[in-house]
Amino acid sequence: MTLLLTHSACLDHVTPPGHPERPDRLRAVAEVLGEERFKPLARGEAPEGNLDSVTLCHGEHYIGELRHIAPQSGMIYIDGDTSMSPGTWEAVMRGVRRRGGGNGCG
């Protein structure tokens, strides 16, 4: 069985127009998965991950810096392709999950 975990907080990760990780993409996927042929798909709300899982992929200093620079409004760029908005941190934490001994990365 396939399980789809998602959370409305992921829609609050606002990115520049045309960026592939944009809320409209998630809405489009949700619309298709709402079709009758996907009715058997098991669904659930993504729980909030924990920092221990994140540190399996990224160093504590890097994580601390991201938390420190997370914007309260607007958008900031971490690099040429990566941005953060006020909703990014929760969206990220909803995407972190450790399962079956895996590390929750990628």
N, C-alpha and C. Protein backbone atom coordinates (compact mmCIF):
# COMPACT_ATOMS: atom_id res chain seq x y z
N MET A 1 0.84 -1.18 0.00
CA MET A 1 0.00 0.00 0.00
C MET A 1 0.89 1.24 0.00
N THR A 2 0.45 2.24 -0.72
CA THR A 2 1.15 3.52 -0.77
C THR A 2 0.46 4.50 0.15
N LEU A 3 1.27 5.22 0.92
CA LEU A 3 0.75 6.22 1.85
C LEU A 3 1.21 7.60 1.41
N LEU A 4 0.27 8.50 1.25
CA LEU A 4 0.56 9.90 0.91
C LEU A 4 0.43 10.73 2.18
N LEU A 5 1.54 11.33 2.59
CA LEU A 5 1.54 12.24 3.73
C LEU A 5 1.72 13.66 3.20
N THR A 6 0.88 14.54 3.65
CA THR A 6 1.00 15.94 3.25
C THR A 6 0.47 16.81 4.39
N HIS A 7 0.63 18.09 4.26
CA HIS A 7 0.15 19.02 5.29
C HIS A 7 -0.09 20.37 4.64
N SER A 8 -1.10 21.06 5.09
CA SER A 8 -1.42 22.37 4.51
C SER A 8 -0.29 23.38 4.72
N ALA A 9 0.57 23.16 5.71
CA ALA A 9 1.70 24.07 5.95
C ALA A 9 2.64 24.11 4.75
N CYS A 10 2.65 23.06 3.95
CA CYS A 10 3.53 23.03 2.78
C CYS A 10 3.13 24.08 1.75
N LEU A 11 1.87 24.49 1.79
CA LEU A 11 1.40 25.54 0.87
C LEU A 11 1.93 26.92 1.28
N ASP A 12 2.46 27.03 2.49
CA ASP A 12 2.97 28.30 2.99
C ASP A 12 4.46 28.51 2.68
N HIS A 13 5.07 27.54 2.02
CA HIS A 13 6.46 27.70 1.56
C HIS A 13 6.40 28.42 0.22
N VAL A 14 6.45 29.73 0.28
CA VAL A 14 6.31 30.57 -0.91
C VAL A 14 7.67 30.71 -1.59
N THR A 15 7.67 30.52 -2.90
CA THR A 15 8.90 30.61 -3.68
C THR A 15 8.69 31.62 -4.82
N PRO A 16 9.76 31.98 -5.49
CA PRO A 16 9.63 32.93 -6.60
C PRO A 16 8.76 32.35 -7.72
N PRO A 17 8.14 33.20 -8.51
CA PRO A 17 7.33 32.72 -9.63
C PRO A 17 8.13 31.78 -10.54
N GLY A 18 7.50 30.69 -10.93
CA GLY A 18 8.14 29.74 -11.83
C GLY A 18 9.03 28.71 -11.17
N HIS A 19 9.30 28.86 -9.87
CA HIS A 19 10.14 27.89 -9.18
C HIS A 19 9.38 26.57 -9.06
N PRO A 20 10.05 25.42 -9.27
CA PRO A 20 9.33 24.14 -9.23
C PRO A 20 8.73 23.79 -7.87
N GLU A 21 9.29 24.28 -6.78
CA GLU A 21 8.77 23.96 -5.45
C GLU A 21 7.76 25.02 -5.00
N ARG A 22 6.77 25.25 -5.81
CA ARG A 22 5.80 26.30 -5.49
C ARG A 22 4.47 25.68 -5.07
N PRO A 23 3.68 26.42 -4.29
CA PRO A 23 2.39 25.93 -3.82
C PRO A 23 1.45 25.50 -4.95
N ASP A 24 1.49 26.17 -6.09
CA ASP A 24 0.61 25.78 -7.20
C ASP A 24 0.90 24.37 -7.69
N ARG A 25 2.13 23.96 -7.62
CA ARG A 25 2.49 22.59 -8.01
C ARG A 25 1.84 21.59 -7.06
N LEU A 26 1.90 21.87 -5.77
CA LEU A 26 1.25 20.99 -4.79
C LEU A 26 -0.26 20.94 -5.00
N ARG A 27 -0.84 22.09 -5.30
CA ARG A 27 -2.28 22.12 -5.57
C ARG A 27 -2.63 21.28 -6.80
N ALA A 28 -1.81 21.35 -7.84
CA ALA A 28 -2.05 20.58 -9.05
C ALA A 28 -1.95 19.08 -8.77
N VAL A 29 -0.96 18.68 -7.99
CA VAL A 29 -0.81 17.26 -7.63
C VAL A 29 -2.02 16.81 -6.80
N ALA A 30 -2.44 17.63 -5.85
CA ALA A 30 -3.60 17.29 -5.02
C ALA A 30 -4.86 17.15 -5.86
N GLU A 31 -5.00 18.00 -6.86
CA GLU A 31 -6.17 17.93 -7.73
C GLU A 31 -6.21 16.60 -8.49
N VAL A 32 -5.08 16.21 -9.04
CA VAL A 32 -5.02 14.94 -9.77
C VAL A 32 -5.25 13.76 -8.82
N LEU A 33 -4.64 13.83 -7.65
CA LEU A 33 -4.80 12.72 -6.69
C LEU A 33 -6.21 12.68 -6.10
N GLY A 34 -7.00 13.70 -6.33
CA GLY A 34 -8.39 13.72 -5.90
C GLY A 34 -9.31 12.96 -6.86
N GLU A 35 -8.79 12.55 -8.01
CA GLU A 35 -9.59 11.83 -8.99
C GLU A 35 -9.97 10.44 -8.46
N GLU A 36 -11.06 9.93 -8.96
CA GLU A 36 -11.60 8.63 -8.52
C GLU A 36 -10.57 7.51 -8.58
N ARG A 37 -9.74 7.49 -9.59
CA ARG A 37 -8.77 6.39 -9.74
C ARG A 37 -7.75 6.35 -8.60
N PHE A 38 -7.61 7.44 -7.86
CA PHE A 38 -6.67 7.48 -6.73
C PHE A 38 -7.37 7.32 -5.38
N LYS A 39 -8.64 7.00 -5.40
CA LYS A 39 -9.40 6.85 -4.16
C LYS A 39 -8.78 5.82 -3.20
N PRO A 40 -8.22 4.70 -3.71
CA PRO A 40 -7.63 3.71 -2.79
C PRO A 40 -6.35 4.18 -2.08
N LEU A 41 -5.77 5.28 -2.53
CA LEU A 41 -4.53 5.77 -1.94
C LEU A 41 -4.74 6.14 -0.47
N ALA A 42 -3.95 5.54 0.40
CA ALA A 42 -4.02 5.87 1.83
C ALA A 42 -3.42 7.26 2.02
N ARG A 43 -4.07 8.05 2.84
CA ARG A 43 -3.64 9.44 3.06
C ARG A 43 -3.55 9.75 4.55
N GLY A 44 -2.67 10.65 4.87
CA GLY A 44 -2.54 11.08 6.25
C GLY A 44 -1.90 12.45 6.33
N GLU A 45 -1.99 13.06 7.49
CA GLU A 45 -1.38 14.36 7.72
C GLU A 45 0.07 14.14 8.16
N ALA A 46 0.97 14.83 7.50
CA ALA A 46 2.38 14.71 7.84
C ALA A 46 2.64 15.28 9.23
N PRO A 47 3.18 14.47 10.12
CA PRO A 47 3.51 14.99 11.45
C PRO A 47 4.73 15.90 11.36
N GLU A 48 4.90 16.73 12.36
CA GLU A 48 6.08 17.57 12.39
C GLU A 48 7.29 16.72 12.77
N GLY A 49 8.35 16.85 11.99
CA GLY A 49 9.57 16.10 12.26
C GLY A 49 10.32 16.70 13.44
N ASN A 50 11.48 16.13 13.69
CA ASN A 50 12.28 16.66 14.79
C ASN A 50 13.69 16.97 14.30
N LEU A 51 14.36 17.82 15.05
CA LEU A 51 15.69 18.26 14.64
C LEU A 51 16.71 17.14 14.65
N ASP A 52 16.50 16.11 15.46
CA ASP A 52 17.43 14.98 15.44
C ASP A 52 17.46 14.33 14.06
N SER A 53 16.30 14.22 13.43
CA SER A 53 16.25 13.65 12.08
C SER A 53 16.93 14.57 11.07
N VAL A 54 16.75 15.87 11.23
CA VAL A 54 17.36 16.82 10.30
C VAL A 54 18.87 16.77 10.41
N THR A 55 19.39 16.60 11.61
CA THR A 55 20.85 16.58 11.78
C THR A 55 21.49 15.33 11.19
N LEU A 56 20.70 14.35 10.79
CA LEU A 56 21.26 13.21 10.08
C LEU A 56 21.67 13.59 8.66
N CYS A 57 21.11 14.69 8.17
CA CYS A 57 21.38 15.14 6.79
C CYS A 57 22.20 16.43 6.75
N HIS A 58 22.03 17.28 7.74
CA HIS A 58 22.67 18.60 7.75
C HIS A 58 23.29 18.85 9.11
N GLY A 59 24.37 19.60 9.12
CA GLY A 59 25.05 19.92 10.35
C GLY A 59 24.24 20.85 11.25
N GLU A 60 24.46 20.74 12.55
CA GLU A 60 23.72 21.55 13.51
C GLU A 60 23.95 23.05 13.28
N HIS A 61 25.15 23.43 12.90
CA HIS A 61 25.44 24.85 12.65
C HIS A 61 24.59 25.37 11.49
N TYR A 62 24.52 24.61 10.41
CA TYR A 62 23.74 25.00 9.23
C TYR A 62 22.26 25.14 9.61
N ILE A 63 21.75 24.18 10.34
CA ILE A 63 20.34 24.22 10.76
C ILE A 63 20.09 25.45 11.64
N GLY A 64 21.00 25.70 12.57
CA GLY A 64 20.87 26.88 13.44
C GLY A 64 20.88 28.17 12.65
N GLU A 65 21.73 28.26 11.64
CA GLU A 65 21.78 29.45 10.80
C GLU A 65 20.46 29.65 10.06
N LEU A 66 19.92 28.58 9.51
CA LEU A 66 18.65 28.69 8.79
C LEU A 66 17.52 29.14 9.71
N ARG A 67 17.49 28.60 10.91
CA ARG A 67 16.46 29.02 11.87
C ARG A 67 16.63 30.49 12.23
N HIS A 68 17.88 30.92 12.31
CA HIS A 68 18.17 32.31 12.68
C HIS A 68 17.76 33.29 11.58
N ILE A 69 17.97 32.92 10.32
CA ILE A 69 17.68 33.84 9.22
C ILE A 69 16.28 33.68 8.65
N ALA A 70 15.51 32.71 9.13
CA ALA A 70 14.15 32.51 8.62
C ALA A 70 13.36 33.81 8.74
N PRO A 71 12.80 34.28 7.63
CA PRO A 71 12.13 35.58 7.65
C PRO A 71 10.77 35.55 8.35
N GLN A 72 10.42 36.67 8.96
CA GLN A 72 9.09 36.84 9.55
C GLN A 72 8.11 37.35 8.51
N SER A 73 8.66 37.97 7.45
CA SER A 73 7.85 38.44 6.33
C SER A 73 8.75 38.45 5.09
N GLY A 74 8.14 38.48 3.94
CA GLY A 74 8.90 38.54 2.70
C GLY A 74 9.60 37.23 2.39
N MET A 75 10.68 37.34 1.63
CA MET A 75 11.42 36.18 1.18
C MET A 75 12.90 36.50 1.19
N ILE A 76 13.71 35.52 1.55
CA ILE A 76 15.15 35.67 1.48
C ILE A 76 15.71 34.55 0.61
N TYR A 77 16.89 34.79 0.06
CA TYR A 77 17.56 33.78 -0.75
C TYR A 77 18.76 33.23 0.01
N ILE A 78 18.83 31.92 0.07
CA ILE A 78 19.97 31.25 0.70
C ILE A 78 21.07 31.08 -0.33
N ASP A 79 20.68 30.80 -1.56
CA ASP A 79 21.59 30.75 -2.69
C ASP A 79 20.77 31.11 -3.94
N GLY A 80 21.31 30.92 -5.11
CA GLY A 80 20.65 31.33 -6.33
C GLY A 80 19.35 30.61 -6.63
N ASP A 81 19.13 29.45 -6.01
CA ASP A 81 17.95 28.65 -6.31
C ASP A 81 17.10 28.33 -5.08
N THR A 82 17.57 28.70 -3.92
CA THR A 82 16.89 28.32 -2.68
C THR A 82 16.45 29.55 -1.92
N SER A 83 15.16 29.61 -1.64
CA SER A 83 14.61 30.76 -0.92
C SER A 83 13.85 30.28 0.31
N MET A 84 13.64 31.20 1.23
CA MET A 84 12.85 30.92 2.43
C MET A 84 11.81 32.03 2.57
N SER A 85 10.61 31.62 2.97
CA SER A 85 9.54 32.55 3.30
C SER A 85 9.12 32.25 4.73
N PRO A 86 8.22 33.02 5.32
CA PRO A 86 7.81 32.75 6.70
C PRO A 86 7.28 31.33 6.93
N GLY A 87 6.72 30.70 5.91
CA GLY A 87 6.16 29.36 6.08
C GLY A 87 7.11 28.23 5.77
N THR A 88 8.33 28.55 5.38
CA THR A 88 9.27 27.51 4.95
C THR A 88 9.65 26.56 6.07
N TRP A 89 9.96 27.09 7.25
CA TRP A 89 10.47 26.23 8.32
C TRP A 89 9.47 25.13 8.66
N GLU A 90 8.20 25.47 8.85
CA GLU A 90 7.22 24.42 9.18
C GLU A 90 7.05 23.45 8.01
N ALA A 91 7.05 23.96 6.79
CA ALA A 91 6.93 23.07 5.63
C ALA A 91 8.09 22.07 5.61
N VAL A 92 9.29 22.54 5.89
CA VAL A 92 10.45 21.66 5.95
C VAL A 92 10.26 20.61 7.04
N MET A 93 9.86 21.05 8.21
CA MET A 93 9.71 20.11 9.33
C MET A 93 8.59 19.10 9.08
N ARG A 94 7.60 19.46 8.29
CA ARG A 94 6.55 18.51 7.93
C ARG A 94 7.04 17.50 6.89
N GLY A 95 8.14 17.81 6.24
CA GLY A 95 8.71 16.90 5.24
C GLY A 95 9.80 16.00 5.80
N VAL A 96 10.12 16.16 7.06
CA VAL A 96 11.16 15.35 7.71
C VAL A 96 10.50 14.19 8.43
N ARG A 97 10.98 13.03 8.10
CA ARG A 97 10.38 11.86 8.74
C ARG A 97 11.41 10.75 8.76
N ARG A 98 11.51 10.08 9.85
CA ARG A 98 12.42 8.94 9.96
C ARG A 98 11.59 7.67 10.01
N ARG A 99 11.93 6.74 9.17
CA ARG A 99 11.11 5.54 9.06
C ARG A 99 12.00 4.33 8.83
N GLY A 100 11.68 3.23 9.45
CA GLY A 100 12.35 1.96 9.16
C GLY A 100 13.86 2.01 9.20
N GLY A 101 14.42 2.80 10.10
CA GLY A 101 15.87 2.89 10.19
C GLY A 101 16.47 3.83 9.17
N GLY A 102 15.65 4.37 8.29
CA GLY A 102 16.16 5.31 7.29
C GLY A 102 16.50 6.63 7.94
N ASN A 103 17.16 7.50 7.18
CA ASN A 103 17.59 8.74 7.78
C ASN A 103 16.67 9.92 7.50
N GLY A 104 15.63 9.73 6.71
CA GLY A 104 14.71 10.84 6.43
C GLY A 104 15.27 11.83 5.43
N CYS A 105 16.42 11.57 4.85
CA CYS A 105 17.01 12.49 3.88
C CYS A 105 16.54 12.18 2.47
N GLY A 106 16.43 13.27 1.69
CA GLY A 106 16.17 13.16 0.27
C GLY A 106 15.06 12.29 -0.08
